[in-house]
Amino acid sequence: MRRIKKTRSNRNSFLIALIFLVLIVFNVVLYVSLIRFYFLAGFFKSSVEMFGQIFTMISAIIILGFISTRLPQLRNMGDSSLYEIGYLIIIGLLSIIISYFNKSTSTDALVDPFVSMFEVLSVVLILMLVMSKTSFFKNVKNDAANKKDVVICFFMFLIIAIVASTYVVEVDGSYSNVRNLIVMISGLFGGPVVGIPLAILSGVYRFLMGGTTAFPCSISTVICGLMSSAIYILNKKKFLKGYVAALLIFLFIGFEMLLIVWLTPQNISIPYINNLYPLMVFGNVLGMILFLMIIKEQEKPDEIDYEELRIIELENAVNEYQNKIDKLEEDVDLLKKKNGLIKKK
């Protein structure tokens, strides 16, 4: 019996690893396609200046870090003037770097999309946080849910998926969202009963929204629900570990980008995912990490509630008094023995 269970566990682990391997292959194909397109389009030649600016910025940060770590040594040497001069140098270099970087690059165009994506992610995660406080969420998480809990959980995930599909970040005609993050979480969390229907409805909703990438995006959403539900079964109805779940959503975003490349004209798809891919990776990977933090935060109160904690405290007190009683009984026995010896004499 143990051998059968072990064999089944090994088989499930192999199938999960196979899913990851397939996603890695698709990501490699995506990167090769992107590099080929950028090389033919002369992107690398036009980007030399940008890479030079980034390299300069990183080098300056390293130098600042090196100087700042050496400042305490100067202070310990007793020369306060060198210590103060060092801090003035750091402030001066930092001012020069900020001024240079603001003039040479468009920081608003670089940072604003990520800030907007974080705003969208915040709305979605607030809804997830509210849902995590409910009893049906805890029942589904603990594999103690009835049909009512599962249905309510499904509709809550559906509402969040619609919100994630509706609130998007637009960058040069590309629309980034965290819809597949919600679908993947629903499959890894609730299994096929929640994940598959949600994936189908979310995919249909995305297709009805229209657009050049409506078909590949809706297909990827359905695949996301099927894949995450399968992993839920293979992983014995347990949510994946933190780094594994983050890696899974990262690899799946690459797979989704490859579907867009394959299923749309290349002159549209490559520029589209060029703007889309970094935002999608940022929003979905960060969202998965934050959701895992929500789950971890929920596990601590559930493990030991107030009543259980009170019982443990009382049991510890009883054990402490019992130890004292045992010690007193030993002392009494010892005194009785001594008194007995005295009487014999």
C-alpha atoms as a PDB file:
ATOM      1  CA  MET A   1       0.000   0.000   0.000  1.00  0.00           C
ATOM      2  CA  ARG A   2       2.800   2.411   0.893  1.00  0.00           C
ATOM      3  CA  ARG A   3       4.595   1.502  -2.319  1.00  0.00           C
ATOM      4  CA  ILE A   4       1.469   2.311  -4.355  1.00  0.00           C
ATOM      5  CA  LYS A   5       1.094   5.701  -2.643  1.00  0.00           C
ATOM      6  CA  LYS A   6       4.764   6.477  -3.187  1.00  0.00           C
ATOM      7  CA  THR A   7       4.523   5.522  -6.860  1.00  0.00           C
ATOM      8  CA  ARG A   8       1.439   7.694  -7.301  1.00  0.00           C
ATOM      9  CA  SER A   9       3.156  10.629  -5.563  1.00  0.00           C
ATOM     10  CA  ASN A  10       6.214  10.282  -7.791  1.00  0.00           C
ATOM     11  CA  ARG A  11       3.996  10.162 -10.861  1.00  0.00           C
ATOM     12  CA  ASN A  12       2.149  13.323  -9.811  1.00  0.00           C
ATOM     13  CA  SER A  13       5.430  15.144  -9.144  1.00  0.00           C
ATOM     14  CA  PHE A  14       6.686  14.049 -12.565  1.00  0.00           C
ATOM     15  CA  LEU A  15       3.536  15.382 -14.287  1.00  0.00           C
ATOM     16  CA  ILE A  16       3.829  18.747 -12.491  1.00  0.00           C
ATOM     17  CA  ALA A  17       7.505  18.942 -13.509  1.00  0.00           C
ATOM     18  CA  LEU A  18       6.471  18.080 -17.087  1.00  0.00           C
ATOM     19  CA  ILE A  19       3.998  20.985 -17.126  1.00  0.00           C
ATOM     20  CA  PHE A  20       6.770  23.338 -16.015  1.00  0.00           C
ATOM     21  CA  LEU A  21       9.138  21.905 -18.632  1.00  0.00           C
ATOM     22  CA  VAL A  22       6.611  22.488 -21.428  1.00  0.00           C
ATOM     23  CA  LEU A  23       6.108  26.086 -20.266  1.00  0.00           C
ATOM     24  CA  ILE A  24       9.889  26.618 -20.176  1.00  0.00           C
ATOM     25  CA  VAL A  25      10.162  25.375 -23.776  1.00  0.00           C
ATOM     26  CA  PHE A  26       7.424  27.801 -24.883  1.00  0.00           C
ATOM     27  CA  ASN A  27       9.222  30.653 -23.102  1.00  0.00           C
ATOM     28  CA  VAL A  28      12.487  29.803 -24.854  1.00  0.00           C
ATOM     29  CA  VAL A  29      10.672  29.868 -28.201  1.00  0.00           C
ATOM     30  CA  LEU A  30       9.198  33.259 -27.277  1.00  0.00           C
ATOM     31  CA  TYR A  31      12.601  34.740 -26.406  1.00  0.00           C
ATOM     32  CA  VAL A  32      14.133  33.403 -29.619  1.00  0.00           C
ATOM     33  CA  SER A  33      11.299  34.969 -31.631  1.00  0.00           C
ATOM     34  CA  LEU A  34      11.727  38.306 -29.854  1.00  0.00           C
ATOM     35  CA  ILE A  35      15.510  38.350 -30.300  1.00  0.00           C
ATOM     36  CA  ARG A  36      15.149  37.473 -33.991  1.00  0.00           C
ATOM     37  CA  PHE A  37      12.593  40.240 -34.537  1.00  0.00           C
ATOM     38  CA  TYR A  38      14.647  42.839 -32.642  1.00  0.00           C
ATOM     39  CA  PHE A  39      17.795  41.884 -34.544  1.00  0.00           C
ATOM     40  CA  LEU A  40      16.079  42.210 -37.928  1.00  0.00           C
ATOM     41  CA  ALA A  41      14.437  45.470 -36.916  1.00  0.00           C
ATOM     42  CA  GLY A  42      17.736  46.959 -35.719  1.00  0.00           C
ATOM     43  CA  PHE A  43      16.418  47.336 -32.204  1.00  0.00           C
ATOM     44  CA  PHE A  44      19.740  46.503 -30.567  1.00  0.00           C
ATOM     45  CA  LYS A  45      21.567  49.239 -32.495  1.00  0.00           C
ATOM     46  CA  SER A  46      19.007  51.861 -31.523  1.00  0.00           C
ATOM     47  CA  SER A  47      19.044  50.700 -27.919  1.00  0.00           C
ATOM     48  CA  VAL A  48      22.785  51.080 -27.329  1.00  0.00           C
ATOM     49  CA  GLU A  49      22.268  54.556 -25.866  1.00  0.00           C
ATOM     50  CA  MET A  50      19.486  53.346 -23.556  1.00  0.00           C
ATOM     51  CA  PHE A  51      21.587  50.422 -22.316  1.00  0.00           C
ATOM     52  CA  GLY A  52      24.480  52.823 -21.775  1.00  0.00           C
ATOM     53  CA  GLN A  53      22.298  55.050 -19.612  1.00  0.00           C
ATOM     54  CA  ILE A  54      21.087  52.078 -17.582  1.00  0.00           C
ATOM     55  CA  PHE A  55      24.645  50.802 -17.159  1.00  0.00           C
ATOM     56  CA  THR A  56      25.788  54.264 -16.022  1.00  0.00           C
ATOM     57  CA  MET A  57      22.965  54.426 -13.491  1.00  0.00           C
ATOM     58  CA  ILE A  58      23.743  50.960 -12.085  1.00  0.00           C
ATOM     59  CA  SER A  59      27.466  51.776 -11.861  1.00  0.00           C
ATOM     60  CA  ALA A  60      26.722  54.989  -9.983  1.00  0.00           C
ATOM     61  CA  ILE A  61      24.469  53.132  -7.539  1.00  0.00           C
ATOM     62  CA  ILE A  62      27.228  50.554  -6.913  1.00  0.00           C
ATOM     63  CA  ILE A  63      29.749  53.328  -6.232  1.00  0.00           C
ATOM     64  CA  LEU A  64      27.346  55.050  -3.844  1.00  0.00           C
ATOM     65  CA  GLY A  65      26.778  51.776  -2.040  1.00  0.00           C
ATOM     66  CA  PHE A  66      30.514  51.151  -1.779  1.00  0.00           C
ATOM     67  CA  ILE A  67      31.173  54.624  -0.349  1.00  0.00           C
ATOM     68  CA  SER A  68      28.282  54.423   2.132  1.00  0.00           C
ATOM     69  CA  THR A  69      29.484  51.079   3.511  1.00  0.00           C
ATOM     70  CA  ARG A  70      32.951  52.540   4.113  1.00  0.00           C
ATOM     71  CA  LEU A  71      31.752  55.652   5.953  1.00  0.00           C
ATOM     72  CA  PRO A  72      31.395  53.940   9.376  1.00  0.00           C
ATOM     73  CA  GLN A  73      35.049  52.876   9.113  1.00  0.00           C
ATOM     74  CA  LEU A  74      36.070  56.507   8.653  1.00  0.00           C
ATOM     75  CA  ARG A  75      34.047  57.470  11.711  1.00  0.00           C
ATOM     76  CA  ASN A  76      35.683  54.735  13.793  1.00  0.00           C
ATOM     77  CA  MET A  77      39.090  56.131  12.814  1.00  0.00           C
ATOM     78  CA  GLY A  78      38.148  59.255  14.776  1.00  0.00           C
ATOM     79  CA  ASP A  79      38.329  61.691  11.847  1.00  0.00           C
ATOM     80  CA  SER A  80      34.843  63.222  11.822  1.00  0.00           C
ATOM     81  CA  SER A  81      35.761  65.634   9.011  1.00  0.00           C
ATOM     82  CA  LEU A  82      36.321  62.785   6.538  1.00  0.00           C
ATOM     83  CA  TYR A  83      33.048  61.236   7.683  1.00  0.00           C
ATOM     84  CA  GLU A  84      31.110  64.445   6.994  1.00  0.00           C
ATOM     85  CA  ILE A  85      32.876  65.005   3.672  1.00  0.00           C
ATOM     86  CA  GLY A  86      31.948  61.463   2.622  1.00  0.00           C
ATOM     87  CA  TYR A  87      28.267  62.121   3.218  1.00  0.00           C
ATOM     88  CA  LEU A  88      28.485  65.386   1.272  1.00  0.00           C
ATOM     89  CA  ILE A  89      30.038  63.464  -1.626  1.00  0.00           C
ATOM     90  CA  ILE A  90      27.183  60.943  -1.553  1.00  0.00           C
ATOM     91  CA  ILE A  91      24.522  63.680  -1.545  1.00  0.00           C
ATOM     92  CA  GLY A  92      26.301  65.476  -4.409  1.00  0.00           C
ATOM     93  CA  LEU A  93      26.650  62.329  -6.521  1.00  0.00           C
ATOM     94  CA  LEU A  94      23.025  61.388  -5.892  1.00  0.00           C
ATOM     95  CA  SER A  95      21.864  64.839  -7.014  1.00  0.00           C
ATOM     96  CA  ILE A  96      23.970  64.635 -10.173  1.00  0.00           C
ATOM     97  CA  ILE A  97      22.668  61.148 -11.007  1.00  0.00           C
ATOM     98  CA  ILE A  98      19.019  62.139 -10.537  1.00  0.00           C
ATOM     99  CA  SER A  99      19.498  65.274 -12.645  1.00  0.00           C
ATOM    100  CA  TYR A 100      21.298  63.351 -15.399  1.00  0.00           C
ATOM    101  CA  PHE A 101      18.784  60.545 -15.501  1.00  0.00           C
ATOM    102  CA  ASN A 102      15.807  62.931 -15.603  1.00  0.00           C
ATOM    103  CA  LYS A 103      17.292  64.810 -18.561  1.00  0.00           C
ATOM    104  CA  SER A 104      18.467  61.787 -20.538  1.00  0.00           C
ATOM    105  CA  THR A 105      15.407  59.560 -20.122  1.00  0.00           C
ATOM    106  CA  SER A 106      11.657  59.920 -19.956  1.00  0.00           C
ATOM    107  CA  THR A 107      11.069  58.627 -16.442  1.00  0.00           C
ATOM    108  CA  ASP A 108       7.325  59.296 -16.608  1.00  0.00           C
ATOM    109  CA  ALA A 109       6.926  57.047 -19.637  1.00  0.00           C
ATOM    110  CA  LEU A 110       9.012  54.355 -17.929  1.00  0.00           C
ATOM    111  CA  VAL A 111       7.484  54.405 -14.451  1.00  0.00           C
ATOM    112  CA  ASP A 112       3.851  55.472 -14.965  1.00  0.00           C
ATOM    113  CA  PRO A 113       2.644  52.170 -16.534  1.00  0.00           C
ATOM    114  CA  PHE A 114       4.008  50.192 -13.592  1.00  0.00           C
ATOM    115  CA  VAL A 115       2.387  52.576 -11.118  1.00  0.00           C
ATOM    116  CA  SER A 116      -0.922  52.190 -12.970  1.00  0.00           C
ATOM    117  CA  MET A 117      -0.546  48.407 -12.937  1.00  0.00           C
ATOM    118  CA  PHE A 118       0.072  48.498  -9.191  1.00  0.00           C
ATOM    119  CA  GLU A 119      -3.129  50.531  -8.768  1.00  0.00           C
ATOM    120  CA  VAL A 120      -5.111  47.928 -10.727  1.00  0.00           C
ATOM    121  CA  LEU A 121      -3.473  45.158  -8.718  1.00  0.00           C
ATOM    122  CA  SER A 122      -4.352  46.933  -5.478  1.00  0.00           C
ATOM    123  CA  VAL A 123      -8.062  46.980  -6.351  1.00  0.00           C
ATOM    124  CA  VAL A 124      -8.023  43.267  -7.169  1.00  0.00           C
ATOM    125  CA  LEU A 125      -6.072  42.334  -4.038  1.00  0.00           C
ATOM    126  CA  ILE A 126      -8.394  44.327  -1.782  1.00  0.00           C
ATOM    127  CA  LEU A 127     -11.275  42.219  -3.101  1.00  0.00           C
ATOM    128  CA  MET A 128      -9.196  39.079  -2.539  1.00  0.00           C
ATOM    129  CA  LEU A 129      -8.382  40.198   1.000  1.00  0.00           C
ATOM    130  CA  VAL A 130     -12.063  40.783   1.785  1.00  0.00           C
ATOM    131  CA  MET A 131     -12.915  37.359   0.359  1.00  0.00           C
ATOM    132  CA  SER A 132     -10.179  35.711   2.453  1.00  0.00           C
ATOM    133  CA  LYS A 133     -11.925  36.856   5.642  1.00  0.00           C
ATOM    134  CA  THR A 134     -15.110  34.922   4.858  1.00  0.00           C
ATOM    135  CA  SER A 135     -15.988  31.493   6.192  1.00  0.00           C
ATOM    136  CA  PHE A 136     -16.524  29.940   2.762  1.00  0.00           C
ATOM    137  CA  PHE A 137     -13.001  30.936   1.704  1.00  0.00           C
ATOM    138  CA  LYS A 138     -11.549  29.267   4.802  1.00  0.00           C
ATOM    139  CA  ASN A 139     -13.679  26.164   4.246  1.00  0.00           C
ATOM    140  CA  VAL A 140     -12.501  25.812   0.664  1.00  0.00           C
ATOM    141  CA  LYS A 141      -8.883  26.379   1.738  1.00  0.00           C
ATOM    142  CA  ASN A 142      -9.153  23.706   4.437  1.00  0.00           C
ATOM    143  CA  ASP A 143     -10.907  21.248   2.090  1.00  0.00           C
ATOM    144  CA  ALA A 144     -14.022  21.337   4.306  1.00  0.00           C
ATOM    145  CA  ALA A 145     -16.375  23.157   1.931  1.00  0.00           C
ATOM    146  CA  ASN A 146     -19.915  22.161   1.026  1.00  0.00           C
ATOM    147  CA  LYS A 147     -21.648  22.939  -2.274  1.00  0.00           C
ATOM    148  CA  LYS A 148     -22.810  26.334  -1.038  1.00  0.00           C
ATOM    149  CA  ASP A 149     -19.252  27.362  -0.103  1.00  0.00           C
ATOM    150  CA  VAL A 150     -17.924  26.299  -3.509  1.00  0.00           C
ATOM    151  CA  VAL A 151     -20.672  28.166  -5.408  1.00  0.00           C
ATOM    152  CA  ILE A 152     -20.135  31.374  -3.422  1.00  0.00           C
ATOM    153  CA  CYS A 153     -16.361  31.063  -3.885  1.00  0.00           C
ATOM    154  CA  PHE A 154     -16.840  30.633  -7.646  1.00  0.00           C
ATOM    155  CA  PHE A 155     -19.024  33.735  -7.992  1.00  0.00           C
ATOM    156  CA  MET A 156     -16.606  35.802  -5.899  1.00  0.00           C
ATOM    157  CA  PHE A 157     -13.706  34.757  -8.122  1.00  0.00           C
ATOM    158  CA  LEU A 158     -15.865  35.503 -11.175  1.00  0.00           C
ATOM    159  CA  ILE A 159     -16.541  39.057  -9.974  1.00  0.00           C
ATOM    160  CA  ILE A 160     -12.834  39.602  -9.301  1.00  0.00           C
ATOM    161  CA  ALA A 161     -11.920  38.169 -12.728  1.00  0.00           C
ATOM    162  CA  ILE A 162     -14.362  40.560 -14.441  1.00  0.00           C
ATOM    163  CA  VAL A 163     -12.861  43.470 -12.515  1.00  0.00           C
ATOM    164  CA  ALA A 164      -9.359  42.316 -13.502  1.00  0.00           C
ATOM    165  CA  SER A 165     -10.421  42.111 -17.157  1.00  0.00           C
ATOM    166  CA  THR A 166     -12.141  45.500 -17.147  1.00  0.00           C
ATOM    167  CA  TYR A 167      -9.455  47.531 -15.381  1.00  0.00           C
ATOM    168  CA  VAL A 168      -6.463  47.488 -17.697  1.00  0.00           C
ATOM    169  CA  VAL A 169      -3.288  49.500 -18.237  1.00  0.00           C
ATOM    170  CA  GLU A 170      -2.860  50.885 -21.756  1.00  0.00           C
ATOM    171  CA  VAL A 171       0.607  51.493 -23.185  1.00  0.00           C
ATOM    172  CA  ASP A 172       0.853  52.446 -26.874  1.00  0.00           C
ATOM    173  CA  GLY A 173      -2.260  50.469 -27.783  1.00  0.00           C
ATOM    174  CA  SER A 174      -1.346  47.433 -25.654  1.00  0.00           C
ATOM    175  CA  TYR A 175      -3.665  46.447 -22.806  1.00  0.00           C
ATOM    176  CA  SER A 176      -2.179  44.788 -19.752  1.00  0.00           C
ATOM    177  CA  ASN A 177      -4.244  43.131 -16.998  1.00  0.00           C
ATOM    178  CA  VAL A 178      -4.146  40.449 -14.295  1.00  0.00           C
ATOM    179  CA  ARG A 179      -7.085  38.332 -15.453  1.00  0.00           C
ATOM    180  CA  ASN A 180      -5.064  35.136 -15.800  1.00  0.00           C
ATOM    181  CA  LEU A 181      -3.662  35.661 -12.315  1.00  0.00           C
ATOM    182  CA  ILE A 182      -7.196  35.380 -10.893  1.00  0.00           C
ATOM    183  CA  VAL A 183      -7.973  32.357 -13.060  1.00  0.00           C
ATOM    184  CA  MET A 184      -4.762  30.614 -11.995  1.00  0.00           C
ATOM    185  CA  ILE A 185      -5.362  31.346  -8.319  1.00  0.00           C
ATOM    186  CA  SER A 186      -8.921  30.018  -8.578  1.00  0.00           C
ATOM    187  CA  GLY A 187      -7.670  26.756 -10.106  1.00  0.00           C
ATOM    188  CA  LEU A 188      -4.790  26.288  -7.664  1.00  0.00           C
ATOM    189  CA  PHE A 189      -7.046  27.229  -4.744  1.00  0.00           C
ATOM    190  CA  GLY A 190     -10.444  25.699  -5.557  1.00  0.00           C
ATOM    191  CA  GLY A 191      -9.580  23.025  -8.101  1.00  0.00           C
ATOM    192  CA  PRO A 192     -11.466  22.176 -11.300  1.00  0.00           C
ATOM    193  CA  VAL A 193     -14.890  22.874  -9.779  1.00  0.00           C
ATOM    194  CA  VAL A 194     -13.963  26.554  -9.433  1.00  0.00           C
ATOM    195  CA  GLY A 195     -11.084  26.996 -11.882  1.00  0.00           C
ATOM    196  CA  ILE A 196     -12.486  25.478 -15.083  1.00  0.00           C
ATOM    197  CA  PRO A 197     -15.923  27.218 -15.142  1.00  0.00           C
ATOM    198  CA  LEU A 198     -14.250  30.483 -14.192  1.00  0.00           C
ATOM    199  CA  ALA A 199     -11.676  30.089 -16.974  1.00  0.00           C
ATOM    200  CA  ILE A 200     -14.382  29.413 -19.589  1.00  0.00           C
ATOM    201  CA  LEU A 201     -16.560  32.349 -18.545  1.00  0.00           C
ATOM    202  CA  SER A 202     -13.571  34.695 -18.242  1.00  0.00           C
ATOM    203  CA  GLY A 203     -12.334  33.573 -21.649  1.00  0.00           C
ATOM    204  CA  VAL A 204     -15.746  34.206 -23.208  1.00  0.00           C
ATOM    205  CA  TYR A 205     -15.916  37.611 -21.527  1.00  0.00           C
ATOM    206  CA  ARG A 206     -12.469  38.511 -22.897  1.00  0.00           C
ATOM    207  CA  PHE A 207     -13.446  37.362 -26.385  1.00  0.00           C
ATOM    208  CA  LEU A 208     -16.614  39.492 -26.318  1.00  0.00           C
ATOM    209  CA  MET A 209     -14.511  42.523 -25.362  1.00  0.00           C
ATOM    210  CA  GLY A 210     -13.018  42.282 -28.856  1.00  0.00           C
ATOM    211  CA  GLY A 211      -9.699  43.546 -30.157  1.00  0.00           C
ATOM    212  CA  THR A 212      -6.844  42.157 -32.224  1.00  0.00           C
ATOM    213  CA  THR A 213      -5.693  39.781 -29.501  1.00  0.00           C
ATOM    214  CA  ALA A 214      -9.160  38.709 -28.301  1.00  0.00           C
ATOM    215  CA  PHE A 215      -8.829  35.136 -29.585  1.00  0.00           C
ATOM    216  CA  PRO A 216      -5.333  34.247 -28.240  1.00  0.00           C
ATOM    217  CA  CYS A 217      -6.027  35.970 -24.911  1.00  0.00           C
ATOM    218  CA  SER A 218      -9.312  34.111 -24.412  1.00  0.00           C
ATOM    219  CA  ILE A 219      -7.681  30.793 -25.387  1.00  0.00           C
ATOM    220  CA  SER A 220      -4.837  31.367 -22.916  1.00  0.00           C
ATOM    221  CA  THR A 221      -7.360  32.088 -20.147  1.00  0.00           C
ATOM    222  CA  VAL A 222      -9.110  28.758 -20.709  1.00  0.00           C
ATOM    223  CA  ILE A 223      -5.772  26.912 -20.811  1.00  0.00           C
ATOM    224  CA  CYS A 224      -4.748  28.675 -17.590  1.00  0.00           C
ATOM    225  CA  GLY A 225      -7.830  27.350 -15.777  1.00  0.00           C
ATOM    226  CA  LEU A 226      -7.350  23.811 -17.077  1.00  0.00           C
ATOM    227  CA  MET A 227      -3.646  23.766 -16.197  1.00  0.00           C
ATOM    228  CA  SER A 228      -4.010  25.198 -12.684  1.00  0.00           C
ATOM    229  CA  SER A 229      -6.894  22.830 -11.919  1.00  0.00           C
ATOM    230  CA  ALA A 230      -4.798  19.869 -13.048  1.00  0.00           C
ATOM    231  CA  ILE A 231      -1.917  20.996 -10.824  1.00  0.00           C
ATOM    232  CA  TYR A 232      -4.385  21.304  -7.914  1.00  0.00           C
ATOM    233  CA  ILE A 233      -5.300  17.613  -8.324  1.00  0.00           C
ATOM    234  CA  LEU A 234      -1.712  16.477  -8.870  1.00  0.00           C
ATOM    235  CA  ASN A 235      -0.521  18.445  -5.833  1.00  0.00           C
ATOM    236  CA  LYS A 236      -3.025  16.690  -3.521  1.00  0.00           C
ATOM    237  CA  LYS A 237      -5.392  19.675  -3.305  1.00  0.00           C
ATOM    238  CA  LYS A 238      -2.692  21.898  -1.836  1.00  0.00           C
ATOM    239  CA  PHE A 239      -1.685  25.336  -3.051  1.00  0.00           C
ATOM    240  CA  LEU A 240       1.802  25.461  -4.546  1.00  0.00           C
ATOM    241  CA  LYS A 241       4.693  26.811  -2.505  1.00  0.00           C
ATOM    242  CA  GLY A 242       5.477  30.507  -2.868  1.00  0.00           C
ATOM    243  CA  TYR A 243       8.400  30.465  -5.280  1.00  0.00           C
ATOM    244  CA  VAL A 244       6.842  27.628  -7.326  1.00  0.00           C
ATOM    245  CA  ALA A 245       3.553  29.515  -7.760  1.00  0.00           C
ATOM    246  CA  ALA A 246       5.420  32.713  -8.714  1.00  0.00           C
ATOM    247  CA  LEU A 247       7.512  30.768 -11.246  1.00  0.00           C
ATOM    248  CA  LEU A 248       4.370  29.161 -12.669  1.00  0.00           C
ATOM    249  CA  ILE A 249       2.613  32.483 -13.341  1.00  0.00           C
ATOM    250  CA  PHE A 250       5.842  33.911 -14.783  1.00  0.00           C
ATOM    251  CA  LEU A 251       6.217  31.032 -17.227  1.00  0.00           C
ATOM    252  CA  PHE A 252       2.541  31.095 -18.149  1.00  0.00           C
ATOM    253  CA  ILE A 253       2.692  34.801 -19.019  1.00  0.00           C
ATOM    254  CA  GLY A 254       5.473  33.923 -21.468  1.00  0.00           C
ATOM    255  CA  PHE A 255       3.281  31.167 -22.923  1.00  0.00           C
ATOM    256  CA  GLU A 256       0.421  33.666 -23.330  1.00  0.00           C
ATOM    257  CA  MET A 257       2.712  36.092 -25.143  1.00  0.00           C
ATOM    258  CA  LEU A 258       3.782  33.296 -27.496  1.00  0.00           C
ATOM    259  CA  LEU A 259       0.132  32.534 -28.296  1.00  0.00           C
ATOM    260  CA  ILE A 260      -0.336  36.182 -29.237  1.00  0.00           C
ATOM    261  CA  VAL A 261       2.717  35.964 -31.516  1.00  0.00           C
ATOM    262  CA  TRP A 262       1.436  32.795 -33.181  1.00  0.00           C
ATOM    263  CA  LEU A 263      -2.217  33.749 -33.548  1.00  0.00           C
ATOM    264  CA  THR A 264      -1.897  37.364 -34.708  1.00  0.00           C
ATOM    265  CA  PRO A 265       0.066  38.947 -37.589  1.00  0.00           C
ATOM    266  CA  GLN A 266       3.700  39.358 -36.628  1.00  0.00           C
ATOM    267  CA  ASN A 267       3.826  43.060 -37.475  1.00  0.00           C
ATOM    268  CA  ILE A 268       1.100  43.547 -34.849  1.00  0.00           C
ATOM    269  CA  SER A 269       1.952  40.922 -32.258  1.00  0.00           C
ATOM    270  CA  ILE A 270       5.661  41.649 -31.643  1.00  0.00           C
ATOM    271  CA  PRO A 271       5.260  45.411 -31.005  1.00  0.00           C
ATOM    272  CA  TYR A 272       2.169  44.596 -28.946  1.00  0.00           C
ATOM    273  CA  ILE A 273       3.886  42.189 -26.572  1.00  0.00           C
ATOM    274  CA  ASN A 274       6.989  44.398 -26.473  1.00  0.00           C
ATOM    275  CA  ASN A 275       4.924  46.887 -24.466  1.00  0.00           C
ATOM    276  CA  LEU A 276       2.745  44.271 -22.787  1.00  0.00           C
ATOM    277  CA  TYR A 277       5.157  41.614 -21.520  1.00  0.00           C
ATOM    278  CA  PRO A 278       7.084  43.579 -18.822  1.00  0.00           C
ATOM    279  CA  LEU A 279       3.847  44.929 -17.317  1.00  0.00           C
ATOM    280  CA  MET A 280       2.177  41.519 -17.375  1.00  0.00           C
ATOM    281  CA  VAL A 281       5.139  39.902 -15.626  1.00  0.00           C
ATOM    282  CA  PHE A 282       5.287  42.678 -13.035  1.00  0.00           C
ATOM    283  CA  GLY A 283       1.563  42.666 -12.226  1.00  0.00           C
ATOM    284  CA  ASN A 284       0.948  38.920 -12.252  1.00  0.00           C
ATOM    285  CA  VAL A 285       4.083  37.788 -10.397  1.00  0.00           C
ATOM    286  CA  LEU A 286       3.709  40.505  -7.765  1.00  0.00           C
ATOM    287  CA  GLY A 287       0.007  39.679  -7.449  1.00  0.00           C
ATOM    288  CA  MET A 288       0.758  35.999  -6.867  1.00  0.00           C
ATOM    289  CA  ILE A 289       3.319  36.837  -4.179  1.00  0.00           C
ATOM    290  CA  LEU A 290       0.898  39.177  -2.392  1.00  0.00           C
ATOM    291  CA  PHE A 291      -1.909  36.606  -2.556  1.00  0.00           C
ATOM    292  CA  LEU A 292       0.392  34.032  -0.964  1.00  0.00           C
ATOM    293  CA  MET A 293       1.064  36.538   1.811  1.00  0.00           C
ATOM    294  CA  ILE A 294      -2.703  36.836   2.334  1.00  0.00           C
ATOM    295  CA  ILE A 295      -2.994  33.059   2.646  1.00  0.00           C
ATOM    296  CA  LYS A 296      -0.100  32.905   5.111  1.00  0.00           C
ATOM    297  CA  GLU A 297      -1.666  35.664   7.178  1.00  0.00           C
ATOM    298  CA  GLN A 298      -4.910  33.697   7.286  1.00  0.00           C
ATOM    299  CA  GLU A 299      -3.243  30.468   8.366  1.00  0.00           C
ATOM    300  CA  LYS A 300      -1.956  31.767  11.719  1.00  0.00           C
ATOM    301  CA  PRO A 301      -5.324  32.661  13.291  1.00  0.00           C
ATOM    302  CA  ASP A 302      -6.887  29.473  12.000  1.00  0.00           C
ATOM    303  CA  GLU A 303      -4.255  27.185  13.456  1.00  0.00           C
ATOM    304  CA  ILE A 304      -4.902  28.257  17.084  1.00  0.00           C
ATOM    305  CA  ASP A 305      -8.010  30.245  17.995  1.00  0.00           C
ATOM    306  CA  TYR A 306      -8.626  31.897  21.398  1.00  0.00           C
ATOM    307  CA  GLU A 307     -10.385  28.913  22.971  1.00  0.00           C
ATOM    308  CA  GLU A 308      -7.654  26.500  21.931  1.00  0.00           C
ATOM    309  CA  LEU A 309      -5.007  28.884  23.226  1.00  0.00           C
ATOM    310  CA  ARG A 310      -6.831  29.141  26.573  1.00  0.00           C
ATOM    311  CA  ILE A 311      -7.022  25.347  26.843  1.00  0.00           C
ATOM    312  CA  ILE A 312      -3.276  25.075  26.156  1.00  0.00           C
ATOM    313  CA  GLU A 313      -2.522  27.682  28.830  1.00  0.00           C
ATOM    314  CA  LEU A 314      -4.674  25.822  31.404  1.00  0.00           C
ATOM    315  CA  GLU A 315      -3.048  22.511  30.540  1.00  0.00           C
ATOM    316  CA  ASN A 316       0.394  24.063  31.000  1.00  0.00           C
ATOM    317  CA  ALA A 317      -0.686  25.478  34.375  1.00  0.00           C
ATOM    318  CA  VAL A 318      -2.005  22.071  35.482  1.00  0.00           C
ATOM    319  CA  ASN A 319       1.232  20.417  34.416  1.00  0.00           C
ATOM    320  CA  GLU A 320       3.229  23.018  36.336  1.00  0.00           C
ATOM    321  CA  TYR A 321       1.202  22.478  39.541  1.00  0.00           C
ATOM    322  CA  GLN A 322       1.415  18.724  39.064  1.00  0.00           C
ATOM    323  CA  ASN A 323       5.196  18.962  38.935  1.00  0.00           C
ATOM    324  CA  LYS A 324       5.177  20.980  42.159  1.00  0.00           C
ATOM    325  CA  ILE A 325       2.902  18.396  43.847  1.00  0.00           C
ATOM    326  CA  ASP A 326       5.186  15.592  42.726  1.00  0.00           C
ATOM    327  CA  LYS A 327       8.180  17.455  44.154  1.00  0.00           C
ATOM    328  CA  LEU A 328       6.407  18.015  47.498  1.00  0.00           C
ATOM    329  CA  GLU A 329       5.432  14.343  47.681  1.00  0.00           C
ATOM    330  CA  GLU A 330       9.066  13.379  47.129  1.00  0.00           C
ATOM    331  CA  ASP A 331      10.131  15.738  49.935  1.00  0.00           C
ATOM    332  CA  VAL A 332       7.471  14.276  52.269  1.00  0.00           C
ATOM    333  CA  ASP A 333       8.611  10.726  51.508  1.00  0.00           C
ATOM    334  CA  LEU A 334      12.204  11.728  52.172  1.00  0.00           C
ATOM    335  CA  LEU A 335      11.275  13.243  55.550  1.00  0.00           C
ATOM    336  CA  LYS A 336       9.264  10.154  56.477  1.00  0.00           C
ATOM    337  CA  LYS A 337      12.250   7.955  55.727  1.00  0.00           C
ATOM    338  CA  LYS A 338      14.481  10.117  57.879  1.00  0.00           C
ATOM    339  CA  ASN A 339      11.990  10.073  60.726  1.00  0.00           C
ATOM    340  CA  GLY A 340      11.710   6.314  60.431  1.00  0.00           C
ATOM    341  CA  LEU A 341      15.485   5.942  60.757  1.00  0.00           C
ATOM    342  CA  ILE A 342      15.494   8.171  63.824  1.00  0.00           C
ATOM    343  CA  LYS A 343      12.766   6.091  65.520  1.00  0.00           C
ATOM    344  CA  LYS A 344      14.773   2.902  64.872  1.00  0.00           C
ATOM    345  CA  LYS A 345      17.757   4.410  66.626  1.00  0.00           C
END
